Amino acid sequence: MAPAENNEKTTYQNWLKLLFINLVVTPLVFLMMVFLTNEILNILVSFTSILKPPLLF
C-alpha cells in the first residue's frame, strides 16, 4: 500500500510543478521575449534613422 501512496504523492508533485511552470515560467519567458524583440527593434530603428533618416517614415 505504501508504494501506491508514494506514487500518488509524486504525481501530485509533478502536477504542481507543471502548474507552476505553466503559470509562472511561461509568462516570464513570453514577457522577456517581447521585451527583447522590442529592444532589438528599437536598436534597429535607431540605426536606420542614423544611417538614412529621409527613408524612414
C-alpha atoms as a PDB file:
ATOM      1  CA  MET A   1       0.000   0.000   0.000  1.00  0.00           C
ATOM      2  CA  ALA A   2       2.870   2.367   0.731  1.00  0.00           C
ATOM      3  CA  PRO A   3       4.325   2.471  -2.809  1.00  0.00           C
ATOM      4  CA  ALA A   4       0.959   3.401  -4.339  1.00  0.00           C
ATOM      5  CA  GLU A   5       0.559   6.213  -1.817  1.00  0.00           C
ATOM      6  CA  ASN A   6       4.052   7.440  -2.600  1.00  0.00           C
ATOM      7  CA  ASN A   7       3.297   7.259  -6.318  1.00  0.00           C
ATOM      8  CA  GLU A   8       0.177   9.390  -5.841  1.00  0.00           C
ATOM      9  CA  LYS A   9       2.240  11.939  -3.944  1.00  0.00           C
ATOM     10  CA  THR A  10       4.878  12.115  -6.671  1.00  0.00           C
ATOM     11  CA  THR A  11       2.239  12.522  -9.386  1.00  0.00           C
ATOM     12  CA  TYR A  12       0.700  15.328  -7.320  1.00  0.00           C
ATOM     13  CA  GLN A  13       4.103  16.992  -7.008  1.00  0.00           C
ATOM     14  CA  ASN A  14       4.677  16.621 -10.752  1.00  0.00           C
ATOM     15  CA  TRP A  15       1.285  18.208 -11.402  1.00  0.00           C
ATOM     16  CA  LEU A  16       2.138  21.103  -9.097  1.00  0.00           C
ATOM     17  CA  LYS A  17       5.460  21.526 -10.879  1.00  0.00           C
ATOM     18  CA  LEU A  18       3.714  21.605 -14.273  1.00  0.00           C
ATOM     19  CA  LEU A  19       1.173  24.101 -12.967  1.00  0.00           C
ATOM     20  CA  PHE A  20       3.955  26.315 -11.605  1.00  0.00           C
ATOM     21  CA  ILE A  21       5.795  26.161 -14.934  1.00  0.00           C
ATOM     22  CA  ASN A  22       2.626  26.977 -16.875  1.00  0.00           C
ATOM     23  CA  LEU A  23       1.564  29.852 -14.628  1.00  0.00           C
ATOM     24  CA  VAL A  24       4.921  31.459 -13.803  1.00  0.00           C
ATOM     25  CA  VAL A  25       7.685  30.434 -16.179  1.00  0.00           C
ATOM     26  CA  THR A  26       5.723  30.713 -19.422  1.00  0.00           C
ATOM     27  CA  PRO A  27       4.512  34.315 -18.841  1.00  0.00           C
ATOM     28  CA  LEU A  28       8.012  35.321 -17.735  1.00  0.00           C
ATOM     29  CA  VAL A  29       9.554  33.833 -20.866  1.00  0.00           C
ATOM     30  CA  PHE A  30       6.871  35.471 -23.005  1.00  0.00           C
ATOM     31  CA  LEU A  31       7.462  38.870 -21.401  1.00  0.00           C
ATOM     32  CA  MET A  32      11.217  38.510 -21.791  1.00  0.00           C
ATOM     33  CA  MET A  33      10.812  37.624 -25.467  1.00  0.00           C
ATOM     34  CA  VAL A  34       8.512  40.613 -26.046  1.00  0.00           C
ATOM     35  CA  PHE A  35      10.908  42.925 -24.202  1.00  0.00           C
ATOM     36  CA  LEU A  36      13.923  41.622 -26.126  1.00  0.00           C
ATOM     37  CA  THR A  37      12.221  41.911 -29.505  1.00  0.00           C
ATOM     38  CA  ASN A  38      11.131  45.438 -28.592  1.00  0.00           C
ATOM     39  CA  GLU A  39      14.707  46.357 -27.658  1.00  0.00           C
ATOM     40  CA  ILE A  40      16.093  44.827 -30.856  1.00  0.00           C
ATOM     41  CA  LEU A  41      13.512  46.702 -32.938  1.00  0.00           C
ATOM     42  CA  ASN A  42      14.365  49.960 -31.165  1.00  0.00           C
ATOM     43  CA  ILE A  43      18.071  49.431 -31.840  1.00  0.00           C
ATOM     44  CA  LEU A  44      17.379  48.647 -35.498  1.00  0.00           C
ATOM     45  CA  VAL A  45      15.159  51.710 -35.872  1.00  0.00           C
ATOM     46  CA  SER A  46      17.776  53.941 -34.263  1.00  0.00           C
ATOM     47  CA  PHE A  47      20.477  52.510 -36.538  1.00  0.00           C
ATOM     48  CA  THR A  48      18.393  53.046 -39.663  1.00  0.00           C
ATOM     49  CA  SER A  49      17.451  56.574 -38.583  1.00  0.00           C
ATOM     50  CA  ILE A  50      21.143  57.351 -38.000  1.00  0.00           C
ATOM     51  CA  LEU A  51      22.156  55.924 -41.367  1.00  0.00           C
ATOM     52  CA  LYS A  52      19.389  57.243 -43.595  1.00  0.00           C
ATOM     53  CA  PRO A  53      16.822  59.477 -41.915  1.00  0.00           C
ATOM     54  CA  PRO A  54      14.859  60.553 -45.037  1.00  0.00           C
ATOM     55  CA  LEU A  55      13.937  56.959 -45.961  1.00  0.00           C
ATOM     56  CA  LEU A  56      12.342  56.215 -42.573  1.00  0.00           C
ATOM     57  CA  PHE A  57       8.621  57.088 -42.449  1.00  0.00           C
END
